[in-house]
Amino acid sequence: MISALILAANVNTISAQYLSELWKSSPMAASQAGYHKDHVDEHLDDLSAEARARRLGVLKDLSGQLPTAQTGDAEADADVALLQDAIRLESLDLEEAHDFQKRCDKPLDDLGSAFFNMAVRDYAPLDERASAAFSRLKEVPRYLQQAKASLHFDVDVFAAAAKDDGEGLIDYLQHDLQLAFAKSKHATALGSASAEAVKAVREYLGFIENDLPKMPHADFRYGDALYRKRFRPYLQTDQDPSQVLAAAEKRLKELHVEMSGLAEKLIGKADIRAALNKIAEEHPKAEALFDVVKAQLKEARDFIEAKKLMTLRNQDNLQVIETPPFLRAMLGVAAFDGAPPYQPELGAFYYVTPIPKDWPAAKVESKLREYNRYGLELLTIHEAMPGHYVQFERANQVQPEVRRVLRWVLSATSYVEGWAVYTQDLMVDAGYLGADNAKLKLQARKLELRAVANTILDIKLQTQKMSDEEALRLMMDETFQERPEAEAKLRRAKLSVTQLCSYFVGGETWRAIRRQAEKRRGFTLKSFHDRVLSEGAMTLRSLSRVVGN
């Protein structure tokens, strides 16, 4: 017992060291987690080769300190598993994948998030935040110069995303950021610094437009060997890509059979597309999206409490806002941004991407049909209630603090996305929407089809040279997606790697953990959900051990 306690305490020490070193190497990550000491808010990350070499040395040192066997403390072992996977993934990029040589879009995304959080989260008095933002803005030219120096290859899809996100970032720096700090005594100085930062962003975009194409052209694909190295530590699974792909393709066929039966009940014939088209007619107007989502949030919360599905906190600190412009290339519909673990009282954001005003009417209609009433209900379940918002609100109560922060920063992706997928089934099975539950269920199966397609798409795009035409055919013909949604997902698939598999892998594993828990005496949904949510985003392998499966 004593040795287990000593080993567990040692893991906490290593976790604290990991976080401390992370804040040194990435002040932007520190700010996002709610850590505002050591002047981190005044600085941007160092993107130089020297900084990468230092970081790799730190990771190797930390890896050498981690226990090589289980400590005897399930909570400590869960933290070790997170640390091991995180170190493997970051080391893989620094030593082999070298995303920094190709991802010209990522520095712009990270810049936007850095300034967005300073503007919208009241973590300090306005003038203090404005002063820090001024200092950060002054570092933008250096930051982007280092980003340029790191780039060695031209990748079309990354360059296109950088151009879109760059224009969104410029718009944000020129308008939203200025508005956020307009009442600060530093407003004038901040305006001047913003102008210089915008100039640097424009120069970076000019480099992408004119100079980057002169560099060797590269593919966005990881390739089979590198993808396999990333797959297991990212998804925290014992399966390899071929096993997951086979399971996804099997589930695709099963869902077609189930959906045919649902369609027959709804419209009198086993025509899935016709049934989905009928449901798609029930959609809000483009200008009403935000009002609809807000109403759905309240309806879902009331239902969860009435059915006693889980314990919800009394506070409601979730804001529904427009997706920031610099993130819209990646987030075509919606996303969740949780409250930082050091300052959970600051609240969370449910991003909803508005439909562009310059879209033609047919494209707008197609998008709204994809996100019809039932699609939006499921999106709100997934991203917020009882999906990610509830999940992270509970995670922000984990103690001790070092464990809470570690599990937030290194959130196990399959735990996070798997829970959100699992809650979609949970609400449907509990009878959500009453008389319209059958329509919701069919739409939920369509979303499960999407999770399956995400997996097939990711694995085949990254390792089997799947063409754009094959990808679009999979999404539109096999999973019944509207063309704008399919095109947006294809772009996202090229801008990410392995993340799209987390919905299917995570959802399947969450269901398996629930099935095992149901075998125990005294099982209730409420007690099960409260227990698993109390742990924070550990790997699902660790969760299964911690809850006794």
Protein backbone atom coordinates (compact mmCIF):
# COMPACT_ATOMS: atom_id res chain seq x y z
CA MET A 1 0.00 0.00 0.00
CA ILE A 2 2.75 2.45 0.93
CA SER A 3 4.70 1.79 -2.26
CA ALA A 4 1.54 2.33 -4.32
CA LEU A 5 0.93 5.68 -2.59
CA ILE A 6 4.53 6.72 -3.19
CA LEU A 7 4.32 5.74 -6.87
CA ALA A 8 1.01 7.63 -7.26
CA ALA A 9 2.53 10.74 -5.67
CA ASN A 10 5.47 10.43 -8.06
CA VAL A 11 3.06 10.38 -11.01
CA ASN A 12 1.49 13.62 -9.76
CA THR A 13 4.98 15.14 -9.61
CA ILE A 14 5.74 14.05 -13.18
CA SER A 15 2.34 15.38 -14.32
CA ALA A 16 3.11 18.76 -12.74
CA GLN A 17 6.52 18.77 -14.42
CA TYR A 18 4.94 17.94 -17.78
CA LEU A 19 2.52 20.85 -17.45
CA SER A 20 5.23 23.24 -16.27
CA GLU A 21 7.42 22.38 -19.27
CA LEU A 22 4.44 22.69 -21.61
CA TRP A 23 3.68 26.20 -20.36
CA LYS A 24 7.33 27.16 -20.97
CA SER A 25 7.32 25.83 -24.53
CA SER A 26 3.80 27.00 -25.37
CA PRO A 27 2.57 30.12 -23.60
CA MET A 28 -0.42 30.03 -25.95
CA ALA A 29 -1.44 26.61 -24.59
CA ALA A 30 -0.93 27.91 -21.05
CA SER A 31 -3.32 30.81 -21.63
CA GLN A 32 -5.93 28.55 -23.18
CA ALA A 33 -5.84 26.30 -20.10
CA GLY A 34 -6.40 29.32 -17.86
CA TYR A 35 -2.80 29.57 -16.62
CA HIS A 36 -1.94 33.28 -16.55
CA LYS A 37 1.26 33.39 -14.50
CA ASP A 38 4.86 33.99 -15.57
CA HIS A 39 3.77 36.56 -18.21
CA VAL A 40 2.60 33.79 -20.56
CA ASP A 41 -0.23 35.97 -21.90
CA GLU A 42 2.32 38.42 -23.27
CA HIS A 43 4.03 35.89 -25.52
CA LEU A 44 3.48 33.70 -28.54
CA ASP A 45 5.04 30.28 -29.00
CA ASP A 46 8.60 29.88 -30.24
CA LEU A 47 8.38 28.04 -33.59
CA SER A 48 12.12 27.84 -34.22
CA ALA A 49 14.08 24.65 -34.88
CA GLU A 50 15.98 25.28 -31.64
CA ALA A 51 12.72 25.35 -29.68
CA ARG A 52 11.61 22.08 -31.26
CA ALA A 53 14.91 20.45 -30.34
CA ARG A 54 14.56 21.63 -26.73
CA ARG A 55 11.02 20.31 -26.56
CA LEU A 56 12.05 16.91 -27.88
CA GLY A 57 14.74 16.69 -25.21
CA VAL A 58 12.17 17.49 -22.51
CA LEU A 59 9.80 14.83 -23.82
CA LYS A 60 12.52 12.18 -23.79
CA ASP A 61 13.44 13.09 -20.23
CA LEU A 62 9.82 12.92 -19.08
CA SER A 63 9.30 9.61 -20.86
CA GLY A 64 12.25 8.16 -18.99
CA GLN A 65 10.72 9.14 -15.66
CA LEU A 66 7.36 7.44 -16.21
CA PRO A 67 6.70 4.11 -14.49
CA THR A 68 7.17 1.14 -16.79
CA ALA A 69 4.61 -0.98 -14.89
CA GLN A 70 1.30 -0.28 -13.22
CA THR A 71 1.59 1.57 -9.91
CA GLY A 72 -1.28 -0.21 -8.17
CA ASP A 73 -3.29 3.02 -8.17
CA ALA A 74 -5.84 3.06 -11.01
CA GLU A 75 -6.07 6.86 -11.08
CA ALA A 76 -2.28 7.28 -11.29
CA ASP A 77 -2.09 4.59 -13.97
CA ALA A 78 -4.71 6.49 -15.98
CA ASP A 79 -2.55 9.62 -15.88
CA VAL A 80 0.52 7.64 -16.91
CA ALA A 81 -1.38 6.26 -19.92
CA LEU A 82 -2.34 9.78 -21.00
CA LEU A 83 1.24 11.01 -20.61
CA GLN A 84 2.69 8.09 -22.53
CA ASP A 85 0.34 8.57 -25.48
CA ALA A 86 0.82 12.34 -25.54
CA ILE A 87 4.61 12.04 -25.49
CA ARG A 88 4.53 9.41 -28.26
CA LEU A 89 2.33 11.60 -30.46
CA GLU A 90 4.31 14.80 -30.03
CA SER A 91 7.62 12.98 -30.47
CA LEU A 92 6.28 11.36 -33.64
CA ASP A 93 5.60 14.78 -35.13
CA LEU A 94 8.93 16.24 -34.07
CA GLU A 95 10.99 13.29 -35.27
CA GLU A 96 9.10 11.82 -38.24
CA ALA A 97 5.82 13.40 -39.33
CA HIS A 98 7.17 16.97 -39.39
CA ASP A 99 3.77 18.61 -39.81
CA PHE A 100 5.41 21.97 -39.15
CA GLN A 101 7.13 21.65 -42.55
CA LYS A 102 3.77 21.41 -44.36
CA ARG A 103 0.99 22.88 -42.22
CA CYS A 104 1.07 26.51 -43.30
CA ASP A 105 -2.48 26.92 -41.98
CA LYS A 106 -1.89 25.86 -38.38
CA PRO A 107 0.07 28.94 -37.20
CA LEU A 108 -2.84 31.13 -38.30
CA ASP A 109 -5.43 28.96 -36.54
CA ASP A 110 -3.40 29.03 -33.34
CA LEU A 111 -2.91 32.81 -33.55
CA GLY A 112 -6.62 33.39 -33.90
CA SER A 113 -7.44 31.22 -30.90
CA ALA A 114 -4.79 32.95 -28.79
CA PHE A 115 -6.29 36.41 -29.29
CA PHE A 116 -9.90 35.22 -29.27
CA ASN A 117 -9.58 33.79 -25.76
CA MET A 118 -7.96 36.99 -24.50
CA ALA A 119 -10.89 39.00 -25.80
CA VAL A 120 -13.85 36.87 -24.77
CA ARG A 121 -12.79 35.37 -21.43
CA ASP A 122 -12.79 37.77 -18.47
CA TYR A 123 -9.89 36.08 -16.70
CA ALA A 124 -8.39 39.44 -15.66
CA PRO A 125 -9.36 43.15 -15.69
CA LEU A 126 -9.85 44.62 -19.16
CA ASP A 127 -6.75 46.81 -19.09
CA GLU A 128 -4.55 43.93 -17.96
CA ARG A 129 -5.80 41.73 -20.78
CA ALA A 130 -5.43 44.56 -23.30
CA SER A 131 -1.84 45.18 -22.21
CA ALA A 132 -1.02 41.49 -22.62
CA ALA A 133 -2.74 41.40 -26.01
CA PHE A 134 -0.63 44.40 -27.07
CA SER A 135 2.55 42.53 -26.14
CA ARG A 136 1.40 39.44 -28.01
CA LEU A 137 0.50 41.43 -31.10
CA LYS A 138 4.03 42.82 -31.18
CA GLU A 139 5.32 39.23 -31.47
CA VAL A 140 3.19 38.31 -34.48
CA PRO A 141 5.86 39.26 -37.08
CA ARG A 142 8.49 37.11 -35.31
CA TYR A 143 6.05 34.23 -34.91
CA LEU A 144 5.06 34.18 -38.58
CA GLN A 145 8.65 34.60 -39.72
CA GLN A 146 9.53 31.46 -37.77
CA ALA A 147 6.52 29.69 -39.29
CA LYS A 148 7.74 30.58 -42.78
CA ALA A 149 11.25 29.36 -41.99
CA SER A 150 9.81 26.01 -40.86
CA LEU A 151 7.91 25.36 -44.10
CA HIS A 152 9.63 23.10 -46.63
CA PHE A 153 6.73 21.78 -48.71
CA ASP A 154 3.71 23.10 -50.57
CA VAL A 155 0.45 21.20 -49.93
CA ASP A 156 -2.54 22.56 -51.85
CA VAL A 157 -5.24 21.85 -49.27
CA PHE A 158 -3.21 23.36 -46.43
CA ALA A 159 -2.46 26.47 -48.49
CA ALA A 160 -6.15 26.92 -49.35
CA ALA A 161 -7.12 26.61 -45.68
CA ALA A 162 -4.41 29.10 -44.70
CA LYS A 163 -5.77 31.65 -47.15
CA ASP A 164 -9.32 31.29 -45.81
CA ASP A 165 -8.26 31.33 -42.16
CA GLY A 166 -5.81 34.14 -42.76
CA GLU A 167 -8.51 36.41 -44.14
CA GLY A 168 -10.71 35.48 -41.20
CA LEU A 169 -7.87 36.30 -38.81
CA ILE A 170 -7.30 39.68 -40.44
CA ASP A 171 -10.98 40.49 -40.11
CA TYR A 172 -10.91 39.48 -36.45
CA LEU A 173 -7.81 41.53 -35.63
CA GLN A 174 -9.13 44.61 -37.42
CA HIS A 175 -12.65 44.54 -36.00
CA ASP A 176 -13.63 42.12 -33.22
CA LEU A 177 -10.41 42.45 -31.24
CA GLN A 178 -10.58 46.23 -31.40
CA LEU A 179 -14.20 46.22 -30.29
CA ALA A 180 -13.43 43.90 -27.36
CA PHE A 181 -10.83 46.31 -25.98
CA ALA A 182 -12.38 49.60 -27.13
CA LYS A 183 -12.94 50.78 -23.53
CA SER A 184 -9.40 50.00 -22.39
CA LYS A 185 -6.85 52.71 -21.82
CA HIS A 186 -4.58 50.71 -24.14
CA ALA A 187 -7.06 50.81 -27.04
CA THR A 188 -5.04 53.22 -29.20
CA ALA A 189 -1.74 51.39 -28.72
CA LEU A 190 -3.48 48.09 -29.32
CA GLY A 191 -4.92 49.44 -32.58
CA SER A 192 -1.42 50.32 -33.80
CA ALA A 193 -0.06 46.92 -32.81
CA SER A 194 -2.99 45.23 -34.54
CA ALA A 195 -2.18 47.09 -37.76
CA GLU A 196 1.40 45.80 -37.63
CA ALA A 197 0.16 42.28 -36.90
CA VAL A 198 -2.24 42.46 -39.85
CA LYS A 199 0.63 43.57 -42.05
CA ALA A 200 2.61 40.51 -40.95
CA VAL A 201 -0.36 38.22 -41.65
CA ARG A 202 -0.73 39.71 -45.13
CA GLU A 203 2.98 39.17 -45.78
CA TYR A 204 2.62 35.56 -44.64
CA LEU A 205 -0.34 35.06 -46.97
CA GLY A 206 1.72 36.62 -49.76
CA PHE A 207 4.45 34.09 -49.04
CA ILE A 208 1.90 31.27 -49.27
CA GLU A 209 0.55 32.67 -52.53
CA ASN A 210 3.85 33.45 -54.27
CA ASP A 211 6.79 31.65 -52.65
CA LEU A 212 5.42 28.44 -51.18
CA PRO A 213 4.43 27.05 -54.61
CA LYS A 214 8.12 27.17 -55.57
CA MET A 215 8.92 24.63 -52.87
CA PRO A 216 8.58 20.87 -53.48
CA HIS A 217 4.95 19.79 -53.68
CA ALA A 218 3.78 17.24 -51.10
CA ASP A 219 0.65 15.21 -50.44
CA PHE A 220 -1.58 15.82 -47.43
CA ARG A 221 -1.64 12.06 -46.79
CA TYR A 222 0.30 10.52 -43.92
CA GLY A 223 0.82 7.19 -45.67
CA ASP A 224 0.31 3.75 -44.17
CA ALA A 225 3.48 3.42 -42.05
CA LEU A 226 3.25 6.82 -40.35
CA TYR A 227 -0.51 6.56 -39.95
CA ARG A 228 -0.16 3.25 -38.10
CA LYS A 229 2.32 4.82 -35.67
CA ARG A 230 -0.14 7.61 -34.92
CA PHE A 231 -3.32 5.54 -34.85
CA ARG A 232 -3.08 3.67 -31.52
CA PRO A 233 -1.73 6.42 -29.24
CA TYR A 234 -4.15 8.98 -30.70
CA LEU A 235 -7.25 6.78 -30.39
CA GLN A 236 -6.08 4.85 -27.30
CA THR A 237 -7.12 1.59 -28.91
CA ASP A 238 -5.57 -1.85 -29.16
CA GLN A 239 -6.93 -2.25 -32.69
CA ASP A 240 -4.99 -1.36 -35.81
CA PRO A 241 -6.45 0.62 -38.76
CA SER A 242 -7.39 -2.49 -40.78
CA GLN A 243 -9.42 -3.91 -37.88
CA VAL A 244 -11.23 -0.62 -37.28
CA LEU A 245 -11.89 -0.21 -41.01
CA ALA A 246 -13.41 -3.70 -41.22
CA ALA A 247 -15.64 -3.00 -38.20
CA ALA A 248 -16.77 0.31 -39.73
CA GLU A 249 -17.64 -1.26 -43.08
CA LYS A 250 -19.59 -4.01 -41.30
CA ARG A 251 -21.50 -1.44 -39.24
CA LEU A 252 -22.30 0.52 -42.41
CA LYS A 253 -24.22 -2.45 -43.79
CA GLU A 254 -26.01 -3.07 -40.49
CA LEU A 255 -27.16 0.54 -40.33
CA HIS A 256 -28.58 0.37 -43.86
CA VAL A 257 -30.75 -2.56 -42.80
CA GLU A 258 -31.92 -0.85 -39.60
CA MET A 259 -32.64 2.43 -41.38
CA SER A 260 -34.69 0.65 -44.05
CA GLY A 261 -36.94 -0.66 -41.29
CA LEU A 262 -37.27 2.79 -39.72
CA ALA A 263 -38.07 4.32 -43.11
CA GLU A 264 -40.85 1.79 -43.68
CA LYS A 265 -42.44 2.73 -40.36
CA LEU A 266 -42.26 6.44 -41.15
CA ILE A 267 -43.30 6.62 -44.80
CA GLY A 268 -44.65 3.16 -45.56
CA LYS A 269 -41.74 1.98 -47.72
CA ALA A 270 -38.14 0.92 -47.08
CA ASP A 271 -36.67 3.91 -48.91
CA ILE A 272 -34.06 5.49 -46.64
CA ARG A 273 -33.37 8.49 -48.85
CA ALA A 274 -37.06 9.29 -49.27
CA ALA A 275 -37.61 9.13 -45.50
CA LEU A 276 -34.60 11.35 -44.83
CA ASN A 277 -35.76 13.80 -47.50
CA LYS A 278 -39.15 13.98 -45.78
CA ILE A 279 -37.50 14.73 -42.43
CA ALA A 280 -35.18 17.29 -44.07
CA GLU A 281 -38.18 19.43 -45.03
CA GLU A 282 -38.51 20.38 -41.36
CA HIS A 283 -35.70 22.89 -41.03
CA PRO A 284 -35.34 26.39 -39.61
CA LYS A 285 -34.59 29.49 -41.61
CA ALA A 286 -30.94 30.48 -41.84
CA GLU A 287 -31.45 33.57 -39.69
CA ALA A 288 -33.19 31.51 -36.98
CA LEU A 289 -30.39 28.98 -36.35
CA PHE A 290 -29.18 30.54 -33.11
CA ASP A 291 -32.65 30.95 -31.60
CA VAL A 292 -33.48 27.34 -32.44
CA VAL A 293 -30.27 26.03 -30.87
CA LYS A 294 -30.85 28.01 -27.67
CA ALA A 295 -34.37 26.63 -27.36
CA GLN A 296 -33.11 23.11 -27.94
CA LEU A 297 -30.57 23.48 -25.14
CA LYS A 298 -33.30 24.24 -22.61
CA GLU A 299 -35.54 21.45 -23.90
CA ALA A 300 -32.73 18.90 -23.66
CA ARG A 301 -31.77 19.99 -20.15
CA ASP A 302 -35.36 19.71 -18.92
CA PHE A 303 -35.67 16.23 -20.43
CA ILE A 304 -32.42 14.97 -18.83
CA GLU A 305 -33.53 16.16 -15.41
CA ALA A 306 -37.04 14.73 -15.80
CA LYS A 307 -35.70 11.32 -16.85
CA LYS A 308 -32.92 11.39 -14.21
CA LEU A 309 -30.32 10.43 -16.79
CA MET A 310 -27.48 12.13 -14.91
CA THR A 311 -26.77 14.90 -12.43
CA LEU A 312 -26.59 18.37 -13.97
CA ARG A 313 -24.99 21.31 -12.22
CA ASN A 314 -27.27 24.18 -11.26
CA GLN A 315 -25.18 26.76 -13.05
CA ASP A 316 -25.55 27.31 -16.77
CA ASN A 317 -22.47 29.07 -18.09
CA LEU A 318 -22.69 28.02 -21.74
CA GLN A 319 -22.85 30.75 -24.38
CA VAL A 320 -24.06 30.08 -27.93
CA ILE A 321 -21.96 32.24 -30.26
CA GLU A 322 -20.86 32.42 -33.88
CA THR A 323 -17.84 30.32 -34.79
CA PRO A 324 -14.83 32.69 -34.95
CA PRO A 325 -14.03 33.55 -38.60
CA PHE A 326 -10.51 32.11 -38.44
CA LEU A 327 -11.87 28.67 -37.50
CA ARG A 328 -14.60 28.31 -40.11
CA ALA A 329 -12.46 26.48 -42.68
CA MET A 330 -12.23 23.61 -40.18
CA LEU A 331 -15.56 24.03 -38.36
CA GLY A 332 -18.19 24.15 -41.05
CA VAL A 333 -21.14 23.64 -38.70
CA ALA A 334 -20.53 23.72 -34.95
CA ALA A 335 -18.10 22.93 -32.15
CA PHE A 336 -17.64 23.15 -28.41
CA ASP A 337 -14.99 25.15 -26.54
CA GLY A 338 -14.84 24.23 -22.87
CA ALA A 339 -14.08 26.41 -19.87
CA PRO A 340 -10.36 26.33 -18.97
CA PRO A 341 -9.50 23.91 -16.13
CA TYR A 342 -7.66 26.52 -14.07
CA GLN A 343 -10.67 28.86 -14.31
CA PRO A 344 -13.80 26.76 -14.91
CA GLU A 345 -15.99 29.61 -13.71
CA LEU A 346 -15.28 31.51 -16.94
CA GLY A 347 -17.77 29.43 -18.88
CA ALA A 348 -17.86 27.63 -22.20
CA PHE A 349 -18.84 28.33 -25.81
CA TYR A 350 -21.05 26.43 -28.22
CA TYR A 351 -19.92 27.63 -31.64
CA VAL A 352 -22.48 27.66 -34.44
CA THR A 353 -21.19 28.59 -37.89
CA PRO A 354 -23.55 31.01 -39.64
CA ILE A 355 -24.46 30.35 -43.25
CA PRO A 356 -22.51 32.78 -45.47
CA LYS A 357 -24.68 35.58 -46.80
CA ASP A 358 -23.20 35.26 -50.30
CA TRP A 359 -24.22 31.62 -50.75
CA PRO A 360 -26.76 30.98 -53.54
CA ALA A 361 -30.23 29.98 -52.39
CA ALA A 362 -29.86 26.35 -53.52
CA LYS A 363 -26.69 25.88 -51.47
CA VAL A 364 -28.32 27.46 -48.41
CA GLU A 365 -31.33 25.15 -48.76
CA SER A 366 -29.07 22.11 -49.07
CA LYS A 367 -27.17 23.07 -45.92
CA LEU A 368 -30.38 23.64 -43.97
CA ARG A 369 -31.77 20.32 -45.12
CA GLU A 370 -28.68 18.59 -43.76
CA TYR A 371 -29.09 20.43 -40.45
CA ASN A 372 -32.85 20.12 -40.22
CA ARG A 373 -34.76 20.22 -36.93
CA TYR A 374 -33.67 16.72 -35.95
CA GLY A 375 -30.10 17.18 -37.15
CA LEU A 376 -29.81 20.31 -35.04
CA GLU A 377 -31.30 18.53 -32.03
CA LEU A 378 -28.65 15.83 -32.29
CA LEU A 379 -25.91 18.39 -32.87
CA THR A 380 -26.95 20.19 -29.69
CA ILE A 381 -27.04 16.88 -27.82
CA HIS A 382 -23.55 16.05 -29.12
CA GLU A 383 -21.84 19.38 -28.56
CA ALA A 384 -23.61 20.48 -25.42
CA MET A 385 -26.47 18.77 -23.62
CA PRO A 386 -25.61 16.15 -22.41
CA GLY A 387 -22.55 15.86 -24.68
CA HIS A 388 -19.36 17.89 -24.49
CA TYR A 389 -20.59 20.71 -22.29
CA VAL A 390 -21.82 18.40 -19.51
CA GLN A 391 -18.75 16.24 -19.96
CA PHE A 392 -16.28 19.09 -19.48
CA GLU A 393 -18.26 20.75 -16.71
CA ARG A 394 -17.92 17.54 -14.72
CA ALA A 395 -14.28 17.13 -15.74
CA ASN A 396 -13.56 20.58 -14.34
CA GLN A 397 -14.43 19.27 -10.86
CA VAL A 398 -11.71 16.59 -10.85
CA GLN A 399 -9.24 16.80 -7.97
CA PRO A 400 -6.38 17.31 -7.37
CA GLU A 401 -5.85 20.30 -9.65
CA VAL A 402 -2.83 18.83 -11.43
CA ARG A 403 -4.92 15.79 -12.43
CA ARG A 404 -7.81 17.98 -13.60
CA VAL A 405 -5.54 20.11 -15.76
CA LEU A 406 -3.60 17.16 -17.17
CA ARG A 407 -6.77 15.35 -18.22
CA TRP A 408 -8.14 18.53 -19.79
CA VAL A 409 -4.95 19.33 -21.72
CA LEU A 410 -4.36 15.74 -22.85
CA SER A 411 -8.05 14.84 -23.22
CA ALA A 412 -8.34 11.31 -24.59
CA THR A 413 -10.06 11.89 -27.93
CA SER A 414 -12.02 8.64 -28.01
CA TYR A 415 -13.34 9.35 -24.50
CA VAL A 416 -14.39 12.87 -25.52
CA GLU A 417 -15.98 12.21 -28.92
CA GLY A 418 -17.18 8.75 -27.95
CA TRP A 419 -19.20 10.20 -25.07
CA ALA A 420 -20.86 12.72 -27.37
CA VAL A 421 -21.78 9.99 -29.86
CA TYR A 422 -23.03 7.76 -27.03
CA THR A 423 -25.31 10.53 -25.69
CA GLN A 424 -27.10 10.75 -29.03
CA ASP A 425 -28.29 7.15 -28.61
CA LEU A 426 -28.97 7.78 -24.92
CA MET A 427 -31.44 10.58 -25.64
CA VAL A 428 -33.13 8.73 -28.50
CA ASP A 429 -33.55 5.55 -26.45
CA ALA A 430 -34.97 7.57 -23.55
CA GLY A 431 -37.79 8.82 -25.82
CA TYR A 432 -36.60 12.40 -26.47
CA LEU A 433 -39.03 14.51 -28.56
CA GLY A 434 -41.95 12.23 -27.75
CA ALA A 435 -44.17 11.78 -30.79
CA ASP A 436 -41.30 12.80 -33.08
CA ASN A 437 -38.87 10.30 -31.55
CA ALA A 438 -39.00 8.00 -34.59
CA LYS A 439 -37.83 10.84 -36.84
CA LEU A 440 -35.08 11.68 -34.37
CA LYS A 441 -34.02 8.03 -34.32
CA LEU A 442 -33.71 7.86 -38.10
CA GLN A 443 -31.68 11.07 -38.10
CA ALA A 444 -29.54 9.64 -35.28
CA ARG A 445 -28.79 6.58 -37.38
CA LYS A 446 -27.82 8.90 -40.21
CA LEU A 447 -25.39 10.60 -37.84
CA GLU A 448 -24.04 7.21 -36.83
CA LEU A 449 -23.57 6.51 -40.54
CA ARG A 450 -21.58 9.72 -40.67
CA ALA A 451 -19.35 8.55 -37.81
CA VAL A 452 -18.79 5.29 -39.68
CA ALA A 453 -18.07 7.17 -42.91
CA ASN A 454 -15.65 9.45 -41.04
CA THR A 455 -13.64 6.39 -40.10
CA ILE A 456 -13.65 4.86 -43.57
CA LEU A 457 -12.83 8.26 -45.05
CA ASP A 458 -9.92 8.96 -42.72
CA ILE A 459 -8.26 5.56 -43.07
CA LYS A 460 -8.69 5.30 -46.84
CA LEU A 461 -7.76 8.92 -47.57
CA GLN A 462 -4.62 8.77 -45.46
CA THR A 463 -3.42 5.26 -46.31
CA GLN A 464 -5.11 4.02 -49.51
CA LYS A 465 -5.13 7.08 -51.77
CA MET A 466 -8.91 7.34 -51.86
CA SER A 467 -9.88 9.91 -54.50
CA ASP A 468 -12.11 12.94 -53.93
CA GLU A 469 -14.75 11.37 -56.16
CA GLU A 470 -14.72 8.13 -54.15
CA ALA A 471 -14.93 10.08 -50.90
CA LEU A 472 -17.89 12.17 -52.06
CA ARG A 473 -19.65 9.08 -53.39
CA LEU A 474 -19.24 7.34 -50.02
CA MET A 475 -20.73 10.29 -48.15
CA MET A 476 -23.51 11.19 -50.55
CA ASP A 477 -24.58 7.73 -51.78
CA GLU A 478 -23.81 5.48 -48.80
CA THR A 479 -24.44 7.86 -45.91
CA PHE A 480 -27.01 10.20 -47.49
CA GLN A 481 -25.20 13.49 -46.86
CA GLU A 482 -26.04 16.65 -48.77
CA ARG A 483 -23.30 17.76 -51.16
CA PRO A 484 -22.17 20.92 -49.24
CA GLU A 485 -21.82 18.85 -46.06
CA ALA A 486 -19.88 16.14 -47.91
CA GLU A 487 -17.55 18.70 -49.48
CA ALA A 488 -16.93 20.35 -46.11
CA LYS A 489 -16.22 16.98 -44.48
CA LEU A 490 -13.79 16.04 -47.25
CA ARG A 491 -11.89 19.24 -46.65
CA ARG A 492 -11.85 18.64 -42.93
CA ALA A 493 -10.63 15.07 -43.47
CA LYS A 494 -7.66 16.42 -45.40
CA LEU A 495 -6.93 18.95 -42.65
CA SER A 496 -6.91 16.36 -39.87
CA VAL A 497 -5.56 12.88 -39.40
CA THR A 498 -7.03 10.09 -37.19
CA GLN A 499 -9.36 12.52 -35.38
CA LEU A 500 -12.32 11.52 -37.54
CA CYS A 501 -11.96 7.92 -36.37
CA SER A 502 -12.55 8.91 -32.76
CA TYR A 503 -16.35 9.12 -33.15
CA PHE A 504 -16.77 5.50 -34.21
CA VAL A 505 -14.00 4.01 -32.09
CA GLY A 506 -15.07 6.01 -29.04
CA GLY A 507 -18.79 5.44 -29.47
CA GLU A 508 -18.37 1.67 -29.82
CA THR A 509 -16.15 1.53 -26.73
CA TRP A 510 -18.51 3.64 -24.60
CA ARG A 511 -21.37 1.29 -25.48
CA ALA A 512 -19.24 -1.71 -24.50
CA ILE A 513 -18.38 -0.15 -21.13
CA ARG A 514 -22.08 0.52 -20.49
CA ARG A 515 -23.04 -3.07 -21.38
CA GLN A 516 -20.54 -4.40 -18.87
CA ALA A 517 -21.75 -1.99 -16.19
CA GLU A 518 -25.36 -3.07 -16.71
CA LYS A 519 -24.44 -6.58 -15.54
CA ARG A 520 -23.65 -5.33 -12.04
CA ARG A 521 -26.27 -5.33 -9.31
CA GLY A 522 -27.85 -1.97 -8.59
CA PHE A 523 -27.06 -0.45 -11.99
CA THR A 524 -28.87 2.78 -12.85
CA LEU A 525 -28.19 5.13 -15.74
CA LYS A 526 -27.82 8.09 -13.39
CA SER A 527 -25.25 6.45 -11.13
CA PHE A 528 -23.32 5.05 -14.10
CA HIS A 529 -23.15 8.40 -15.91
CA ASP A 530 -22.25 10.32 -12.77
CA ARG A 531 -19.44 7.86 -12.08
CA VAL A 532 -17.85 7.85 -15.54
CA LEU A 533 -18.13 11.63 -15.94
CA SER A 534 -16.43 12.25 -12.61
CA GLU A 535 -13.12 10.97 -13.96
CA GLY A 536 -12.37 13.48 -16.70
CA ALA A 537 -11.07 12.55 -20.15
CA MET A 538 -8.85 9.56 -19.40
CA THR A 539 -8.37 6.81 -21.98
CA LEU A 540 -11.32 4.44 -22.26
CA ARG A 541 -9.06 1.52 -21.37
CA SER A 542 -8.25 3.31 -18.12
CA LEU A 543 -11.90 4.22 -17.53
CA SER A 544 -12.94 0.60 -17.86
CA ARG A 545 -10.43 -0.38 -15.17
CA VAL A 546 -11.28 2.52 -12.88
CA VAL A 547 -15.02 1.85 -12.87
CA GLY A 548 -14.46 -1.87 -12.36
CA ASN A 549 -15.34 -3.39 -15.75
